[in-house]
Amino acid sequence: MNFQNRVEAVRDNLTKSEVKIVKFIENHPDKSLKLSINELASDAQSSSATVTRLVKKLGIDSFTAMKVMISKDLGGQKEDSNYQLDVRKNESFISISDKLQENYSKNIMATKELLKEEICQSVVNRLLKTKNLYVYGVGASSLASTNIYQKWSRIGCHVVKNQDFEVFLTNLCGAKSQDTLWLISNSGETKEVLKLANFAKQNNIYTISLTKFGQNSLVKNSNLNLTTCKPLEPDVRVGATNSIIGQFYVIDVIFYLYFSHSFEKSYKAITASKNAVKKFK
């Protein structure tokens, strides 16, 4: 996920001082590459502390890493913002299959860049000591919640999932301190999901969220947040294809990491579930 796309994802949450720095970089990208953090702050009529906050808000590891991203943009490695995932009338099989393959690859690579090892490890550590895992998502994100339910259930974890909001909320009322709520919302602003996040916060229920990159209400109400890239698809689309691909990728990373850290227990459980199903075939 390049510099410009990160800026677009958080632009509405930037302060006036941060916007001044962004505008200076956008208007003087070549010059910005040659400046130190203090020089950039001075030329943008801001402060080095503001530059540091901007780098952090963009999810970039360091000021140097930000300049590398800007350099790549200048080198013609910008990501295409006009993603053509909408289907044209009588579009060919080759066009559709090539277009989807290219965008899937871009989506996974951009999401991989956003994943932080320490966050993923913290999520796994929490799940390893979780007694009951509550998982919820609406619309396309419900597919991601089903994915979590199926994966963790197969290795012996007790997962609570119900698409009926009121039933799920009733179930969540029984959550204890050793339980975890995992909420999925691409926008981070889904009404039902935010109601659950607020309920969890009021009742001290540990919450993990999975959202697209950027500031949103769900991130602010979660203990840990997993991030996908901004979906490579237009607002008006045939389906939420790329957001699902990104969510599934992150879930798989967490699942494999979890399995690796509970290998004997998980292997025994998944083998038992496989043998049980085999007997009824």
C-alpha atoms as a PDB file:
ATOM      1  CA  MET A   1       0.000   0.000   0.000  1.00  0.00           C
ATOM      2  CA  ASN A   2       1.783   3.108  -1.225  1.00  0.00           C
ATOM      3  CA  PHE A   3       2.077   6.554   0.340  1.00  0.00           C
ATOM      4  CA  GLN A   4      -0.747   8.227  -1.583  1.00  0.00           C
ATOM      5  CA  ASN A   5      -3.261   5.447  -0.909  1.00  0.00           C
ATOM      6  CA  ARG A   6      -2.426   5.544   2.806  1.00  0.00           C
ATOM      7  CA  VAL A   7      -3.020   9.306   2.804  1.00  0.00           C
ATOM      8  CA  GLU A   8      -6.391   8.898   1.066  1.00  0.00           C
ATOM      9  CA  ALA A   9      -7.438   6.256   3.614  1.00  0.00           C
ATOM     10  CA  VAL A  10      -6.881   8.610   6.583  1.00  0.00           C
ATOM     11  CA  ARG A  11      -7.265  12.062   4.987  1.00  0.00           C
ATOM     12  CA  ASP A  12     -10.516  12.829   6.818  1.00  0.00           C
ATOM     13  CA  ASN A  13      -8.791  12.191  10.152  1.00  0.00           C
ATOM     14  CA  LEU A  14      -5.729  14.361   9.580  1.00  0.00           C
ATOM     15  CA  THR A  15      -5.238  17.541  11.590  1.00  0.00           C
ATOM     16  CA  LYS A  16      -4.696  20.878   9.825  1.00  0.00           C
ATOM     17  CA  SER A  17      -0.974  20.685  10.594  1.00  0.00           C
ATOM     18  CA  GLU A  18      -0.731  17.159   9.194  1.00  0.00           C
ATOM     19  CA  VAL A  19      -2.615  18.209   6.058  1.00  0.00           C
ATOM     20  CA  LYS A  20      -0.044  21.000   5.510  1.00  0.00           C
ATOM     21  CA  ILE A  21       2.761  18.435   5.550  1.00  0.00           C
ATOM     22  CA  VAL A  22       0.891  16.113   3.169  1.00  0.00           C
ATOM     23  CA  LYS A  23       0.201  18.961   0.744  1.00  0.00           C
ATOM     24  CA  PHE A  24       3.853  20.002   0.797  1.00  0.00           C
ATOM     25  CA  ILE A  25       4.949  16.427  -0.003  1.00  0.00           C
ATOM     26  CA  GLU A  26       2.332  16.131  -2.777  1.00  0.00           C
ATOM     27  CA  ASN A  27       3.412  19.452  -4.306  1.00  0.00           C
ATOM     28  CA  HIS A  28       7.170  18.908  -3.816  1.00  0.00           C
ATOM     29  CA  PRO A  29       7.794  15.119  -3.807  1.00  0.00           C
ATOM     30  CA  ASP A  30      11.340  15.342  -5.224  1.00  0.00           C
ATOM     31  CA  LYS A  31      12.399  17.992  -2.753  1.00  0.00           C
ATOM     32  CA  SER A  32      10.784  16.125   0.160  1.00  0.00           C
ATOM     33  CA  LEU A  33      13.055  13.132  -0.462  1.00  0.00           C
ATOM     34  CA  LYS A  34      16.133  15.274   0.195  1.00  0.00           C
ATOM     35  CA  LEU A  35      14.899  16.832   3.429  1.00  0.00           C
ATOM     36  CA  SER A  36      15.457  15.701   6.999  1.00  0.00           C
ATOM     37  CA  ILE A  37      12.455  15.463   9.297  1.00  0.00           C
ATOM     38  CA  ASN A  38      13.253  18.892  10.771  1.00  0.00           C
ATOM     39  CA  GLU A  39      13.743  20.471   7.336  1.00  0.00           C
ATOM     40  CA  LEU A  40      10.464  19.020   6.059  1.00  0.00           C
ATOM     41  CA  ALA A  41       8.656  20.346   9.118  1.00  0.00           C
ATOM     42  CA  SER A  42      10.174  23.794   8.628  1.00  0.00           C
ATOM     43  CA  ASP A  43       9.379  23.991   4.904  1.00  0.00           C
ATOM     44  CA  ALA A  44       5.807  22.831   5.549  1.00  0.00           C
ATOM     45  CA  GLN A  45       5.468  25.409   8.332  1.00  0.00           C
ATOM     46  CA  SER A  46       4.840  22.718  10.884  1.00  0.00           C
ATOM     47  CA  SER A  47       6.838  20.818  13.521  1.00  0.00           C
ATOM     48  CA  SER A  48       8.932  17.646  13.578  1.00  0.00           C
ATOM     49  CA  ALA A  49       6.536  16.221  16.196  1.00  0.00           C
ATOM     50  CA  THR A  50       3.675  16.644  13.726  1.00  0.00           C
ATOM     51  CA  VAL A  51       5.657  14.851  11.019  1.00  0.00           C
ATOM     52  CA  THR A  52       6.262  11.995  13.446  1.00  0.00           C
ATOM     53  CA  ARG A  53       2.544  11.805  14.285  1.00  0.00           C
ATOM     54  CA  LEU A  54       1.687  11.787  10.580  1.00  0.00           C
ATOM     55  CA  VAL A  55       4.077   8.905   9.911  1.00  0.00           C
ATOM     56  CA  LYS A  56       2.472   6.937  12.735  1.00  0.00           C
ATOM     57  CA  LYS A  57      -1.059   7.738  11.560  1.00  0.00           C
ATOM     58  CA  LEU A  58      -0.171   6.470   8.086  1.00  0.00           C
ATOM     59  CA  GLY A  59       0.935   3.186   9.623  1.00  0.00           C
ATOM     60  CA  ILE A  60       4.528   3.599   8.428  1.00  0.00           C
ATOM     61  CA  ASP A  61       7.414   2.347  10.555  1.00  0.00           C
ATOM     62  CA  SER A  62       9.678   5.392  10.220  1.00  0.00           C
ATOM     63  CA  PHE A  63      10.275   8.696   8.462  1.00  0.00           C
ATOM     64  CA  THR A  64      12.879   6.973   6.280  1.00  0.00           C
ATOM     65  CA  ALA A  65      10.359   4.288   5.293  1.00  0.00           C
ATOM     66  CA  MET A  66       7.910   7.026   4.318  1.00  0.00           C
ATOM     67  CA  LYS A  67      10.487   8.588   1.995  1.00  0.00           C
ATOM     68  CA  VAL A  68      11.073   5.179   0.392  1.00  0.00           C
ATOM     69  CA  MET A  69       7.337   4.969  -0.350  1.00  0.00           C
ATOM     70  CA  ILE A  70       7.341   8.464  -1.855  1.00  0.00           C
ATOM     71  CA  SER A  71      10.341   7.493  -3.969  1.00  0.00           C
ATOM     72  CA  LYS A  72       8.513   4.435  -5.291  1.00  0.00           C
ATOM     73  CA  ASP A  73       5.546   6.621  -6.236  1.00  0.00           C
ATOM     74  CA  LEU A  74       7.877   8.877  -8.202  1.00  0.00           C
ATOM     75  CA  GLY A  75       9.422   5.826  -9.844  1.00  0.00           C
ATOM     76  CA  GLY A  76       6.139   4.903 -11.448  1.00  0.00           C
ATOM     77  CA  GLN A  77       5.175   2.233  -8.910  1.00  0.00           C
ATOM     78  CA  LYS A  78       1.967   3.941  -7.896  1.00  0.00           C
ATOM     79  CA  GLU A  79      -1.020   1.732  -7.309  1.00  0.00           C
ATOM     80  CA  ASP A  80      -3.849   2.272  -9.757  1.00  0.00           C
ATOM     81  CA  SER A  81      -6.753   3.903  -7.930  1.00  0.00           C
ATOM     82  CA  ASN A  82      -9.165   3.252 -10.824  1.00  0.00           C
ATOM     83  CA  TYR A  83      -9.758  -0.404 -10.096  1.00  0.00           C
ATOM     84  CA  GLN A  84     -11.981  -2.048 -12.671  1.00  0.00           C
ATOM     85  CA  LEU A  85     -13.740  -4.685 -10.653  1.00  0.00           C
ATOM     86  CA  ASP A  86     -17.131  -3.660 -11.976  1.00  0.00           C
ATOM     87  CA  VAL A  87     -18.252  -5.913 -14.816  1.00  0.00           C
ATOM     88  CA  ARG A  88     -18.792  -4.515 -18.295  1.00  0.00           C
ATOM     89  CA  LYS A  89     -21.575  -5.720 -20.539  1.00  0.00           C
ATOM     90  CA  ASN A  90     -20.516  -8.858 -22.457  1.00  0.00           C
ATOM     91  CA  GLU A  91     -17.036  -8.755 -20.901  1.00  0.00           C
ATOM     92  CA  SER A  92     -14.856 -11.686 -21.912  1.00  0.00           C
ATOM     93  CA  PHE A  93     -13.764 -14.553 -19.677  1.00  0.00           C
ATOM     94  CA  ILE A  94     -10.091 -13.622 -20.181  1.00  0.00           C
ATOM     95  CA  SER A  95     -10.707  -9.994 -19.208  1.00  0.00           C
ATOM     96  CA  ILE A  96     -12.606 -10.920 -16.047  1.00  0.00           C
ATOM     97  CA  SER A  97     -10.209 -13.658 -14.919  1.00  0.00           C
ATOM     98  CA  ASP A  98      -7.084 -11.527 -15.553  1.00  0.00           C
ATOM     99  CA  LYS A  99      -8.587  -8.491 -13.866  1.00  0.00           C
ATOM    100  CA  LEU A 100      -9.592 -10.405 -10.734  1.00  0.00           C
ATOM    101  CA  GLN A 101      -6.251 -12.230 -10.494  1.00  0.00           C
ATOM    102  CA  GLU A 102      -4.318  -8.960 -10.724  1.00  0.00           C
ATOM    103  CA  ASN A 103      -6.433  -7.227  -8.109  1.00  0.00           C
ATOM    104  CA  TYR A 104      -6.367 -10.217  -5.741  1.00  0.00           C
ATOM    105  CA  SER A 105      -2.576 -10.186  -5.892  1.00  0.00           C
ATOM    106  CA  LYS A 106      -2.408  -6.429  -5.283  1.00  0.00           C
ATOM    107  CA  ASN A 107      -4.849  -6.714  -2.391  1.00  0.00           C
ATOM    108  CA  ILE A 108      -2.920  -9.455  -0.602  1.00  0.00           C
ATOM    109  CA  MET A 109       0.449  -7.753  -1.104  1.00  0.00           C
ATOM    110  CA  ALA A 110      -0.876  -4.424   0.196  1.00  0.00           C
ATOM    111  CA  THR A 111      -2.528  -6.116   3.184  1.00  0.00           C
ATOM    112  CA  LYS A 112       0.656  -8.051   3.958  1.00  0.00           C
ATOM    113  CA  GLU A 113       2.561  -4.749   4.153  1.00  0.00           C
ATOM    114  CA  LEU A 114       0.074  -3.463   6.737  1.00  0.00           C
ATOM    115  CA  LEU A 115       0.223  -6.522   9.003  1.00  0.00           C
ATOM    116  CA  LYS A 116       2.366  -5.933  12.080  1.00  0.00           C
ATOM    117  CA  GLU A 117       4.048  -8.985  13.582  1.00  0.00           C
ATOM    118  CA  GLU A 118       3.644  -7.729  17.139  1.00  0.00           C
ATOM    119  CA  ILE A 119      -0.101  -7.128  16.647  1.00  0.00           C
ATOM    120  CA  CYS A 120      -0.645 -10.553  15.078  1.00  0.00           C
ATOM    121  CA  GLN A 121       1.312 -12.204  17.886  1.00  0.00           C
ATOM    122  CA  SER A 122      -0.709 -10.304  20.497  1.00  0.00           C
ATOM    123  CA  VAL A 123      -3.940 -11.484  18.851  1.00  0.00           C
ATOM    124  CA  VAL A 124      -2.726 -15.089  18.860  1.00  0.00           C
ATOM    125  CA  ASN A 125      -1.605 -14.834  22.496  1.00  0.00           C
ATOM    126  CA  ARG A 126      -5.060 -13.579  23.439  1.00  0.00           C
ATOM    127  CA  LEU A 127      -6.816 -16.335  21.476  1.00  0.00           C
ATOM    128  CA  LEU A 128      -4.588 -19.012  23.031  1.00  0.00           C
ATOM    129  CA  LYS A 129      -5.942 -18.134  26.486  1.00  0.00           C
ATOM    130  CA  THR A 130      -9.515 -17.512  25.345  1.00  0.00           C
ATOM    131  CA  LYS A 131     -12.168 -19.871  26.701  1.00  0.00           C
ATOM    132  CA  ASN A 132     -15.084 -18.770  24.511  1.00  0.00           C
ATOM    133  CA  LEU A 133     -14.607 -16.891  21.241  1.00  0.00           C
ATOM    134  CA  TYR A 134     -17.547 -14.722  20.129  1.00  0.00           C
ATOM    135  CA  VAL A 135     -17.398 -13.688  16.463  1.00  0.00           C
ATOM    136  CA  TYR A 136     -19.686 -11.381  14.483  1.00  0.00           C
ATOM    137  CA  GLY A 137     -19.852  -9.623  11.119  1.00  0.00           C
ATOM    138  CA  VAL A 138     -22.619  -8.209   8.919  1.00  0.00           C
ATOM    139  CA  GLY A 139     -23.159  -8.658   5.177  1.00  0.00           C
ATOM    140  CA  ALA A 140     -20.004  -9.702   3.347  1.00  0.00           C
ATOM    141  CA  SER A 141     -18.101  -9.594   6.645  1.00  0.00           C
ATOM    142  CA  SER A 142     -20.390 -12.357   7.917  1.00  0.00           C
ATOM    143  CA  LEU A 143     -18.522 -14.642   5.504  1.00  0.00           C
ATOM    144  CA  ALA A 144     -15.316 -13.783   7.345  1.00  0.00           C
ATOM    145  CA  SER A 145     -16.986 -14.524  10.691  1.00  0.00           C
ATOM    146  CA  THR A 146     -18.143 -17.894   9.318  1.00  0.00           C
ATOM    147  CA  ASN A 147     -14.579 -18.579   8.186  1.00  0.00           C
ATOM    148  CA  ILE A 148     -13.322 -17.940  11.730  1.00  0.00           C
ATOM    149  CA  TYR A 149     -16.092 -20.108  13.188  1.00  0.00           C
ATOM    150  CA  GLN A 150     -15.270 -23.058  10.924  1.00  0.00           C
ATOM    151  CA  LYS A 151     -11.501 -22.874  11.357  1.00  0.00           C
ATOM    152  CA  TRP A 152     -11.327 -22.511  15.135  1.00  0.00           C
ATOM    153  CA  SER A 153     -14.193 -24.944  15.755  1.00  0.00           C
ATOM    154  CA  ARG A 154     -12.299 -27.657  13.883  1.00  0.00           C
ATOM    155  CA  ILE A 155      -9.377 -27.430  16.282  1.00  0.00           C
ATOM    156  CA  GLY A 156     -11.457 -27.725  19.404  1.00  0.00           C
ATOM    157  CA  CYS A 157     -12.182 -24.089  20.257  1.00  0.00           C
ATOM    158  CA  HIS A 158     -15.625 -23.077  21.470  1.00  0.00           C
ATOM    159  CA  VAL A 159     -16.834 -20.408  19.042  1.00  0.00           C
ATOM    160  CA  VAL A 160     -20.133 -18.564  19.427  1.00  0.00           C
ATOM    161  CA  LYS A 161     -21.621 -17.193  16.191  1.00  0.00           C
ATOM    162  CA  ASN A 162     -25.140 -16.110  15.290  1.00  0.00           C
ATOM    163  CA  GLN A 163     -26.245 -13.724  12.548  1.00  0.00           C
ATOM    164  CA  ASP A 164     -29.312 -12.682  14.506  1.00  0.00           C
ATOM    165  CA  PHE A 165     -28.096  -9.546  16.304  1.00  0.00           C
ATOM    166  CA  GLU A 166     -30.415  -9.837  19.300  1.00  0.00           C
ATOM    167  CA  VAL A 167     -29.632 -13.525  19.801  1.00  0.00           C
ATOM    168  CA  PHE A 168     -25.906 -12.843  19.538  1.00  0.00           C
ATOM    169  CA  LEU A 169     -26.133  -9.952  22.000  1.00  0.00           C
ATOM    170  CA  THR A 170     -27.979 -12.236  24.411  1.00  0.00           C
ATOM    171  CA  ASN A 171     -25.192 -14.799  24.057  1.00  0.00           C
ATOM    172  CA  LEU A 172     -22.573 -12.106  24.618  1.00  0.00           C
ATOM    173  CA  CYS A 173     -24.197 -11.178  27.932  1.00  0.00           C
ATOM    174  CA  GLY A 174     -22.732 -14.400  29.304  1.00  0.00           C
ATOM    175  CA  ALA A 175     -19.134 -13.555  28.350  1.00  0.00           C
ATOM    176  CA  LYS A 176     -16.517 -13.705  31.100  1.00  0.00           C
ATOM    177  CA  SER A 177     -13.106 -12.101  31.544  1.00  0.00           C
ATOM    178  CA  GLN A 178     -11.353 -15.031  29.834  1.00  0.00           C
ATOM    179  CA  ASP A 179     -13.587 -14.749  26.742  1.00  0.00           C
ATOM    180  CA  THR A 180     -12.915 -12.715  23.587  1.00  0.00           C
ATOM    181  CA  LEU A 181     -15.116 -10.902  21.070  1.00  0.00           C
ATOM    182  CA  TRP A 182     -13.876 -10.746  17.452  1.00  0.00           C
ATOM    183  CA  LEU A 183     -15.717  -8.192  15.306  1.00  0.00           C
ATOM    184  CA  ILE A 184     -15.347  -7.845  11.530  1.00  0.00           C
ATOM    185  CA  SER A 185     -16.327  -4.726   9.590  1.00  0.00           C
ATOM    186  CA  ASN A 186     -14.551  -3.466   6.492  1.00  0.00           C
ATOM    187  CA  SER A 187     -15.601   0.143   7.100  1.00  0.00           C
ATOM    188  CA  GLY A 188     -15.352  -0.052  10.879  1.00  0.00           C
ATOM    189  CA  GLU A 189     -18.637   1.865  11.006  1.00  0.00           C
ATOM    190  CA  THR A 190     -21.267  -0.896  10.717  1.00  0.00           C
ATOM    191  CA  LYS A 191     -24.106   0.010  13.094  1.00  0.00           C
ATOM    192  CA  GLU A 192     -24.678  -3.429  14.617  1.00  0.00           C
ATOM    193  CA  VAL A 193     -20.965  -4.082  15.037  1.00  0.00           C
ATOM    194  CA  LEU A 194     -20.438  -0.751  16.806  1.00  0.00           C
ATOM    195  CA  LYS A 195     -23.299  -1.514  19.193  1.00  0.00           C
ATOM    196  CA  LEU A 196     -21.559  -4.772  20.107  1.00  0.00           C
ATOM    197  CA  ALA A 197     -18.211  -2.994  20.494  1.00  0.00           C
ATOM    198  CA  ASN A 198     -19.751  -0.419  22.821  1.00  0.00           C
ATOM    199  CA  PHE A 199     -21.471  -3.141  24.838  1.00  0.00           C
ATOM    200  CA  ALA A 200     -18.185  -5.033  25.118  1.00  0.00           C
ATOM    201  CA  LYS A 201     -16.342  -1.916  26.276  1.00  0.00           C
ATOM    202  CA  GLN A 202     -18.959  -1.170  28.945  1.00  0.00           C
ATOM    203  CA  ASN A 203     -18.759  -4.763  30.203  1.00  0.00           C
ATOM    204  CA  ASN A 204     -14.959  -5.188  30.000  1.00  0.00           C
ATOM    205  CA  ILE A 205     -15.114  -7.833  27.263  1.00  0.00           C
ATOM    206  CA  TYR A 206     -11.793  -8.090  25.405  1.00  0.00           C
ATOM    207  CA  THR A 207     -12.337  -7.129  21.759  1.00  0.00           C
ATOM    208  CA  ILE A 208     -10.365  -7.861  18.589  1.00  0.00           C
ATOM    209  CA  SER A 209     -11.423  -6.101  15.387  1.00  0.00           C
ATOM    210  CA  LEU A 210     -10.697  -6.595  11.699  1.00  0.00           C
ATOM    211  CA  THR A 211     -11.170  -3.475   9.554  1.00  0.00           C
ATOM    212  CA  LYS A 212      -9.693  -1.733   6.543  1.00  0.00           C
ATOM    213  CA  PHE A 213      -6.712   0.594   7.091  1.00  0.00           C
ATOM    214  CA  GLY A 214      -7.486   3.991   8.600  1.00  0.00           C
ATOM    215  CA  GLN A 215      -9.125   5.547  11.629  1.00  0.00           C
ATOM    216  CA  ASN A 216     -12.681   4.410  12.347  1.00  0.00           C
ATOM    217  CA  SER A 217     -15.051   3.972  15.282  1.00  0.00           C
ATOM    218  CA  LEU A 218     -14.463   0.226  15.658  1.00  0.00           C
ATOM    219  CA  VAL A 219     -10.685   0.633  15.933  1.00  0.00           C
ATOM    220  CA  LYS A 220     -11.178   3.168  18.726  1.00  0.00           C
ATOM    221  CA  ASN A 221     -13.352   0.693  20.662  1.00  0.00           C
ATOM    222  CA  SER A 222     -11.112  -2.375  20.282  1.00  0.00           C
ATOM    223  CA  ASN A 223      -8.254  -3.735  22.380  1.00  0.00           C
ATOM    224  CA  LEU A 224      -6.461  -5.002  19.270  1.00  0.00           C
ATOM    225  CA  ASN A 225      -7.062  -4.204  15.615  1.00  0.00           C
ATOM    226  CA  LEU A 226      -6.104  -6.249  12.561  1.00  0.00           C
ATOM    227  CA  THR A 227      -5.940  -4.302   9.309  1.00  0.00           C
ATOM    228  CA  THR A 228      -6.577  -4.986   5.639  1.00  0.00           C
ATOM    229  CA  CYS A 229      -5.743  -2.578   2.845  1.00  0.00           C
ATOM    230  CA  LYS A 230      -8.400  -0.283   1.458  1.00  0.00           C
ATOM    231  CA  PRO A 231     -10.342  -2.565  -0.929  1.00  0.00           C
ATOM    232  CA  LEU A 232      -9.222  -2.267  -4.527  1.00  0.00           C
ATOM    233  CA  GLU A 233     -12.745  -1.794  -5.800  1.00  0.00           C
ATOM    234  CA  PRO A 234     -15.138   1.063  -6.581  1.00  0.00           C
ATOM    235  CA  ASP A 235     -17.798   2.169  -4.097  1.00  0.00           C
ATOM    236  CA  VAL A 236     -20.519   0.923  -6.455  1.00  0.00           C
ATOM    237  CA  ARG A 237     -19.534  -2.679  -7.104  1.00  0.00           C
ATOM    238  CA  VAL A 238     -20.932  -6.032  -8.120  1.00  0.00           C
ATOM    239  CA  GLY A 239     -19.737  -7.601  -4.863  1.00  0.00           C
ATOM    240  CA  ALA A 240     -17.408  -6.922  -1.922  1.00  0.00           C
ATOM    241  CA  THR A 241     -14.867  -9.225  -3.531  1.00  0.00           C
ATOM    242  CA  ASN A 242     -11.563  -7.651  -2.569  1.00  0.00           C
ATOM    243  CA  SER A 243     -12.517  -6.736   0.981  1.00  0.00           C
ATOM    244  CA  ILE A 244     -13.360 -10.418   1.575  1.00  0.00           C
ATOM    245  CA  ILE A 245     -10.068 -11.557   0.029  1.00  0.00           C
ATOM    246  CA  GLY A 246      -8.138  -9.256   2.381  1.00  0.00           C
ATOM    247  CA  GLN A 247     -10.114 -10.403   5.419  1.00  0.00           C
ATOM    248  CA  PHE A 248      -9.636 -14.083   4.562  1.00  0.00           C
ATOM    249  CA  TYR A 249      -5.889 -13.551   4.140  1.00  0.00           C
ATOM    250  CA  VAL A 250      -5.536 -11.940   7.580  1.00  0.00           C
ATOM    251  CA  ILE A 251      -7.679 -14.644   9.201  1.00  0.00           C
ATOM    252  CA  ASP A 252      -5.511 -17.353   7.630  1.00  0.00           C
ATOM    253  CA  VAL A 253      -2.313 -15.694   8.877  1.00  0.00           C
ATOM    254  CA  ILE A 254      -3.727 -15.601  12.418  1.00  0.00           C
ATOM    255  CA  PHE A 255      -5.057 -19.161  12.171  1.00  0.00           C
ATOM    256  CA  TYR A 256      -1.780 -20.673  10.976  1.00  0.00           C
ATOM    257  CA  LEU A 257       0.142 -18.743  13.621  1.00  0.00           C
ATOM    258  CA  TYR A 258      -2.320 -19.945  16.275  1.00  0.00           C
ATOM    259  CA  PHE A 259      -2.064 -23.545  15.028  1.00  0.00           C
ATOM    260  CA  SER A 260       1.743 -23.368  15.097  1.00  0.00           C
ATOM    261  CA  HIS A 261       1.724 -22.150  18.716  1.00  0.00           C
ATOM    262  CA  SER A 262      -0.720 -24.869  19.840  1.00  0.00           C
ATOM    263  CA  PHE A 263       0.523 -27.516  17.441  1.00  0.00           C
ATOM    264  CA  GLU A 264       0.021 -30.750  19.416  1.00  0.00           C
ATOM    265  CA  LYS A 265      -3.419 -29.786  20.726  1.00  0.00           C
ATOM    266  CA  SER A 266      -4.631 -28.362  17.405  1.00  0.00           C
ATOM    267  CA  TYR A 267      -3.247 -31.233  15.337  1.00  0.00           C
ATOM    268  CA  LYS A 268      -4.934 -33.775  17.592  1.00  0.00           C
ATOM    269  CA  ALA A 269      -8.260 -31.910  17.381  1.00  0.00           C
ATOM    270  CA  ILE A 270      -8.219 -31.435  13.606  1.00  0.00           C
ATOM    271  CA  THR A 271      -7.298 -35.088  13.082  1.00  0.00           C
ATOM    272  CA  ALA A 272     -10.143 -36.191  15.359  1.00  0.00           C
ATOM    273  CA  SER A 273     -12.648 -33.996  13.511  1.00  0.00           C
ATOM    274  CA  LYS A 274     -11.466 -35.353  10.158  1.00  0.00           C
ATOM    275  CA  ASN A 275     -11.815 -38.967  11.311  1.00  0.00           C
ATOM    276  CA  ALA A 276     -15.255 -38.293  12.785  1.00  0.00           C
ATOM    277  CA  VAL A 277     -16.538 -36.860   9.492  1.00  0.00           C
ATOM    278  CA  LYS A 278     -14.973 -39.771   7.567  1.00  0.00           C
ATOM    279  CA  LYS A 279     -16.981 -42.312   9.552  1.00  0.00           C
ATOM    280  CA  PHE A 280     -20.258 -40.824   8.366  1.00  0.00           C
ATOM    281  CA  LYS A 281     -19.367 -40.713   4.680  1.00  0.00           C
END
